[in-house]
């Protein structure tokens, strides 16, 4: 089991994050490229890609998206480096984590796909992950490309992909002598809430399969192990979220007005709020 992608937000400046990445990423030929072709992305103003030859293995983005800086690690580099990032910035947030597990045996891809379909058929329709199939499922080897099955929508926090890794490397990558039974199951977690992104920064790759109940069952069907369900943070109520935003934005002003007398401030807020409501109704008259 390996990490195949890791994107984290860290509270530091872009230059410091880039310096860390240049030192931490273990590659043979390091090339820095500004504006890697995919930026501007995620509302960041600046980006520098770290390439090993022609392959982009990491991207650092900063500016224009608050005070955080994004560090994106890809492929084998993600597996080698994500632990260093976790140690260096223990309070970071994870916006994407991919975890891959491989297997090889004659007919493994088809058997796994059939097992997943049996599990899906037994699930309630409203809880059943969506399925999207890619590739020509009607052609027999060697004419067809590698097959892929995507479970879960792109807009959800969890997506799992089952695909023929050996065929992919041979037909798309042009690599010869590949194991055509090489099958990969890949988990992609993209948390939507800040609290969940913080939680994911401390979850091990194997435990991340428990981000949803169905992804845990998929891993069990493929590898025989089923992780416990990850306890996600409770969703904050709208009123609590709005109250928190009020304190965050106007806390200093409220503290100034209170001057140590919070009960007096409460009475003042009550009077001013009634006056404002009366003004909106057209019944307010200035003293």
Protein backbone atom coordinates (compact mmCIF):
# COMPACT_ATOMS: atom_id res chain seq x y z
CA UNK A 1 0.00 0.00 0.00
CA UNK A 2 1.42 3.35 -1.05
CA UNK A 3 0.56 7.03 -1.21
CA UNK A 4 0.23 8.09 -4.85
CA UNK A 5 -0.77 11.74 -4.40
CA UNK A 6 -0.64 14.18 -1.48
CA UNK A 7 -1.75 17.82 -1.57
CA UNK A 8 -1.39 19.82 1.63
CA UNK A 9 -1.95 23.40 2.77
CA UNK A 10 0.77 24.68 5.10
CA UNK A 11 0.95 27.94 7.01
CA UNK A 12 4.16 29.39 5.60
CA UNK A 13 5.36 31.61 2.77
CA UNK A 14 5.88 30.28 -0.74
CA UNK A 15 9.65 30.67 -0.71
CA UNK A 16 10.02 28.62 2.47
CA UNK A 17 7.74 25.86 1.15
CA UNK A 18 9.62 25.78 -2.15
CA UNK A 19 12.98 25.57 -0.38
CA UNK A 20 11.68 22.67 1.72
CA UNK A 21 10.34 20.84 -1.34
CA UNK A 22 13.59 21.26 -3.28
CA UNK A 23 15.51 19.70 -0.39
CA UNK A 24 12.98 16.98 0.50
CA UNK A 25 12.12 15.65 -2.97
CA UNK A 26 14.59 12.86 -3.87
CA UNK A 27 15.07 13.04 -7.64
CA UNK A 28 17.99 12.67 -10.03
CA UNK A 29 17.52 15.77 -12.18
CA UNK A 30 15.80 18.73 -10.54
CA UNK A 31 14.28 21.36 -12.81
CA UNK A 32 12.21 24.30 -11.53
CA UNK A 33 9.52 25.59 -13.87
CA UNK A 34 7.33 28.59 -13.10
CA UNK A 35 3.66 28.40 -14.07
CA UNK A 36 3.47 24.69 -14.75
CA UNK A 37 0.72 24.98 -17.36
CA UNK A 38 -2.04 24.09 -14.91
CA UNK A 39 -1.95 27.39 -13.01
CA UNK A 40 -3.48 29.65 -11.98
CA UNK A 41 -5.37 26.98 -10.01
CA UNK A 42 -7.23 26.94 -6.71
CA UNK A 43 -7.13 30.78 -6.73
CA UNK A 44 -3.35 30.86 -6.17
CA UNK A 45 -1.36 33.56 -7.94
CA UNK A 46 2.02 31.81 -8.20
CA UNK A 47 3.22 28.28 -8.83
CA UNK A 48 6.52 26.52 -9.34
CA UNK A 49 6.71 22.93 -10.56
CA UNK A 50 9.59 20.64 -9.66
CA UNK A 51 10.40 18.29 -12.52
CA UNK A 52 12.53 15.19 -12.72
CA UNK A 53 13.46 15.43 -16.35
CA UNK A 54 10.13 15.94 -18.12
CA UNK A 55 7.92 14.59 -15.33
CA UNK A 56 6.33 16.96 -12.80
CA UNK A 57 6.78 15.39 -9.36
CA UNK A 58 5.78 18.33 -7.12
CA UNK A 59 4.11 21.74 -7.36
CA UNK A 60 4.22 24.59 -4.85
CA UNK A 61 1.49 27.25 -5.10
CA UNK A 62 1.01 30.43 -3.06
CA UNK A 63 -0.51 33.92 -3.00
CA UNK A 64 -4.11 34.99 -3.54
CA UNK A 65 -5.67 32.17 -1.52
CA UNK A 66 -5.27 33.38 2.03
CA UNK A 67 -2.04 32.93 3.93
CA UNK A 68 -1.62 29.22 3.22
CA UNK A 69 0.71 27.65 0.69
CA UNK A 70 -0.13 24.48 -1.24
CA UNK A 71 2.39 21.67 -1.69
CA UNK A 72 1.40 18.96 -4.16
CA UNK A 73 3.36 15.68 -4.28
CA UNK A 74 2.82 13.18 -7.08
CA UNK A 75 3.45 9.51 -7.81
CA UNK A 76 6.34 7.71 -6.17
CA UNK A 77 7.63 11.04 -4.84
CA UNK A 78 4.42 11.42 -2.81
CA UNK A 79 5.02 8.06 -1.16
CA UNK A 80 8.63 8.93 -0.32
CA UNK A 81 7.99 12.49 0.87
CA UNK A 82 4.55 12.82 2.48
CA UNK A 83 5.91 11.59 5.84
CA UNK A 84 8.57 14.31 5.81
CA UNK A 85 5.87 16.92 5.15
CA UNK A 86 3.78 15.60 8.04
CA UNK A 87 6.77 15.83 10.37
CA UNK A 88 7.78 19.32 9.23
CA UNK A 89 4.24 20.79 9.32
CA UNK A 90 2.21 18.68 11.78
CA UNK A 91 -0.67 21.20 11.70
CA UNK A 92 -1.18 21.14 7.92
CA UNK A 93 -4.43 20.33 6.11
CA UNK A 94 -4.84 17.72 3.36
CA UNK A 95 -7.04 18.55 0.38
CA UNK A 96 -6.24 15.36 -1.55
CA UNK A 97 -4.85 11.96 -0.62
CA UNK A 98 -4.52 9.04 -3.06
CA UNK A 99 -3.67 5.59 -1.69
CA UNK A 100 -2.97 2.68 -4.05
CA UNK A 101 -2.82 -1.05 -3.40
CA UNK A 102 -1.69 -3.53 -6.07
CA UNK A 103 -2.32 -7.17 -6.78
CA UNK A 104 -1.59 -9.64 -9.56
CA UNK A 105 -3.21 -12.94 -10.43
CA UNK A 106 -4.89 -14.35 -13.55
CA UNK A 107 -8.33 -12.79 -13.91
CA UNK A 108 -7.92 -10.59 -10.80
CA UNK A 109 -9.39 -7.47 -12.41
CA UNK A 110 -12.57 -9.20 -13.59
CA UNK A 111 -13.08 -11.10 -10.34
CA UNK A 112 -12.69 -7.91 -8.33
CA UNK A 113 -15.07 -6.00 -10.60
CA UNK A 114 -17.68 -8.76 -10.27
CA UNK A 115 -17.27 -8.77 -6.48
CA UNK A 116 -17.81 -5.01 -6.36
CA UNK A 117 -20.92 -5.32 -8.51
CA UNK A 118 -22.34 -7.93 -6.17
CA UNK A 119 -21.75 -5.63 -3.18
CA UNK A 120 -23.30 -2.68 -5.04
CA UNK A 121 -26.39 -4.69 -5.94
CA UNK A 122 -27.00 -5.45 -2.26
CA UNK A 123 -26.67 -1.81 -1.16
CA UNK A 124 -29.66 0.58 -0.88
CA UNK A 125 -29.97 2.59 -4.09
CA UNK A 126 -29.47 5.92 -2.30
CA UNK A 127 -26.20 4.71 -0.72
CA UNK A 128 -24.77 2.92 -3.74
CA UNK A 129 -21.64 4.54 -5.20
CA UNK A 130 -22.00 5.55 -8.82
CA UNK A 131 -20.06 3.55 -11.42
CA UNK A 132 -18.34 4.92 -14.51
CA UNK A 133 -16.48 2.53 -16.82
CA UNK A 134 -13.66 3.65 -19.10
CA UNK A 135 -12.09 1.69 -21.94
CA UNK A 136 -13.44 -0.78 -24.48
CA UNK A 137 -14.91 -3.56 -22.36
CA UNK A 138 -15.96 -5.58 -25.43
CA UNK A 139 -12.53 -6.12 -27.04
CA UNK A 140 -10.31 -9.04 -26.13
CA UNK A 141 -6.51 -8.76 -25.72
CA UNK A 142 -4.35 -7.55 -27.33
CA UNK A 143 -6.61 -5.05 -29.14
CA UNK A 144 -8.11 -3.27 -26.17
CA UNK A 145 -6.68 -0.60 -23.91
CA UNK A 146 -6.49 -1.01 -20.13
CA UNK A 147 -9.90 -0.98 -18.44
CA UNK A 148 -10.92 1.26 -15.55
CA UNK A 149 -13.92 1.36 -13.23
CA UNK A 150 -14.58 4.56 -11.26
CA UNK A 151 -16.75 4.34 -8.15
CA UNK A 152 -18.19 7.49 -6.58
CA UNK A 153 -18.68 10.87 -8.20
CA UNK A 154 -15.93 13.46 -8.70
CA UNK A 155 -17.85 15.87 -6.44
CA UNK A 156 -17.89 13.52 -3.45
CA UNK A 157 -15.19 13.22 -0.81
CA UNK A 158 -14.40 9.61 -1.73
CA UNK A 159 -13.72 8.01 -5.09
CA UNK A 160 -12.22 4.57 -5.72
CA UNK A 161 -10.72 3.48 -9.04
CA UNK A 162 -10.10 -0.11 -10.13
CA UNK A 163 -7.90 -0.40 -13.20
CA UNK A 164 -5.55 -2.65 -15.12
CA UNK A 165 -2.21 -1.07 -14.25
CA UNK A 166 -0.16 -3.46 -16.36
CA UNK A 167 -2.22 -2.84 -19.48
CA UNK A 168 -2.14 0.91 -18.83
CA UNK A 169 1.66 1.00 -18.66
CA UNK A 170 1.93 -1.08 -21.81
CA UNK A 171 -0.68 0.51 -24.07
CA UNK A 172 -0.54 4.11 -22.84
CA UNK A 173 3.01 4.35 -21.57
CA UNK A 174 4.60 2.30 -24.34
CA UNK A 175 6.40 0.08 -21.82
CA UNK A 176 7.01 -3.52 -22.84
CA UNK A 177 7.08 -6.76 -20.83
CA UNK A 178 4.42 -5.57 -18.39
CA UNK A 179 2.47 -7.94 -16.17
CA UNK A 180 -0.97 -7.78 -17.77
CA UNK A 181 -2.58 -9.19 -14.63
CA UNK A 182 -1.24 -6.26 -12.57
CA UNK A 183 -4.37 -4.68 -11.06
CA UNK A 184 -4.51 -1.54 -8.95
CA UNK A 185 -7.19 -0.31 -6.54
CA UNK A 186 -6.80 3.37 -5.74
CA UNK A 187 -8.56 5.47 -3.11
CA UNK A 188 -8.94 9.22 -3.67
CA UNK A 189 -10.02 11.30 -0.68
CA UNK A 190 -10.76 15.00 -1.20
CA UNK A 191 -12.25 16.44 2.03
CA UNK A 192 -14.63 19.36 1.64
CA UNK A 193 -14.54 20.84 5.13
CA UNK A 194 -11.59 22.42 6.89
CA UNK A 195 -12.04 20.18 9.94
CA UNK A 196 -11.92 17.06 7.77
CA UNK A 197 -8.80 18.27 5.96
CA UNK A 198 -7.08 18.72 9.32
CA UNK A 199 -8.19 15.27 10.45
CA UNK A 200 -6.86 13.61 7.29
CA UNK A 201 -3.37 14.97 7.98
CA UNK A 202 -3.05 12.49 10.85
CA UNK A 203 -4.75 9.46 9.28
CA UNK A 204 -2.50 6.64 8.03
CA UNK A 205 -2.82 5.61 4.36
CA UNK A 206 -4.30 2.21 5.26
CA UNK A 207 -6.79 3.75 7.71
CA UNK A 208 -7.90 6.32 5.09
CA UNK A 209 -9.85 3.54 3.33
CA UNK A 210 -12.29 3.85 6.23
CA UNK A 211 -13.22 7.41 5.20
CA UNK A 212 -16.50 5.93 3.99
CA UNK A 213 -18.19 2.62 4.79
CA UNK A 214 -18.28 1.49 1.17
CA UNK A 215 -14.61 2.25 0.42
CA UNK A 216 -13.67 0.07 3.40
CA UNK A 217 -15.74 -2.77 1.92
CA UNK A 218 -14.03 -2.32 -1.47
CA UNK A 219 -10.60 -2.77 0.14
CA UNK A 220 -11.83 -5.84 2.00
CA UNK A 221 -13.09 -7.40 -1.24
CA UNK A 222 -9.77 -6.70 -2.96
CA UNK A 223 -7.23 -7.43 -0.23
CA UNK A 224 -9.11 -9.17 2.57
CA UNK A 225 -8.62 -6.42 5.16
CA UNK A 226 -11.31 -3.99 6.28
CA UNK A 227 -10.27 -0.85 8.19
CA UNK A 228 -12.41 0.76 10.85
CA UNK A 229 -14.61 3.66 9.86
CA UNK A 230 -12.88 7.03 10.31
CA UNK A 231 -14.81 9.16 12.81
CA UNK A 232 -15.35 12.40 10.92
CA UNK A 233 -15.83 15.72 12.76
CA UNK A 234 -19.45 16.62 13.47
CA UNK A 235 -20.84 19.11 11.00
CA UNK A 236 -21.11 22.57 12.55
CA UNK A 237 -24.60 24.10 12.64
CA UNK A 238 -25.22 27.14 10.47
CA UNK A 239 -25.93 29.35 13.49
CA UNK A 240 -22.73 28.23 15.22
CA UNK A 241 -20.73 28.83 12.06
CA UNK A 242 -22.19 32.32 11.65
CA UNK A 243 -21.54 33.11 15.33
CA UNK A 244 -17.96 31.96 14.99
CA UNK A 245 -17.50 34.17 11.93
CA UNK A 246 -18.93 37.14 13.85
CA UNK A 247 -16.48 36.63 16.73
CA UNK A 248 -13.56 36.11 14.37
CA UNK A 249 -14.28 39.25 12.36
CA UNK A 250 -15.54 41.63 15.05
CA UNK A 251 -14.12 40.16 18.27
CA UNK A 252 -11.57 42.94 18.73
CA UNK A 253 -14.25 45.62 18.27
CA UNK A 254 -16.61 43.94 20.75
CA UNK A 255 -13.81 43.69 23.28
CA UNK A 256 -13.09 47.38 22.83
CA UNK A 257 -16.73 48.38 23.29
CA UNK A 258 -17.14 46.16 26.36
CA UNK A 259 -14.09 47.59 28.14
CA UNK A 260 -14.45 44.80 30.69
CA UNK A 261 -18.21 45.29 31.20
CA UNK A 262 -19.71 42.47 29.13
CA UNK A 263 -23.15 42.71 30.71
CA UNK A 264 -23.27 46.38 29.77
CA UNK A 265 -22.24 45.55 26.22
CA UNK A 266 -25.03 42.98 26.04
CA UNK A 267 -27.61 45.61 27.04
CA UNK A 268 -26.20 48.03 24.49
CA UNK A 269 -26.35 45.41 21.73
CA UNK A 270 -29.96 44.66 22.64
CA UNK A 271 -30.96 48.34 22.44
CA UNK A 272 -29.12 48.94 19.18
CA UNK A 273 -30.56 45.81 17.61
CA UNK A 274 -34.12 46.85 18.50
CA UNK A 275 -33.44 50.30 17.13
CA UNK A 276 -32.12 48.84 13.88
CA UNK A 277 -35.13 46.55 13.54
CA UNK A 278 -37.42 49.51 14.11
CA UNK A 279 -35.58 51.48 11.46
CA UNK A 280 -36.11 48.70 8.95
CA UNK A 281 -39.86 48.70 9.75
CA UNK A 282 -40.03 52.47 9.38
CA UNK A 283 -41.00 53.10 12.99
CA UNK A 284 -37.62 54.30 14.27
CA UNK A 285 -37.45 57.93 15.32
CA UNK A 286 -34.22 59.59 16.32
CA UNK A 287 -34.16 61.02 19.81
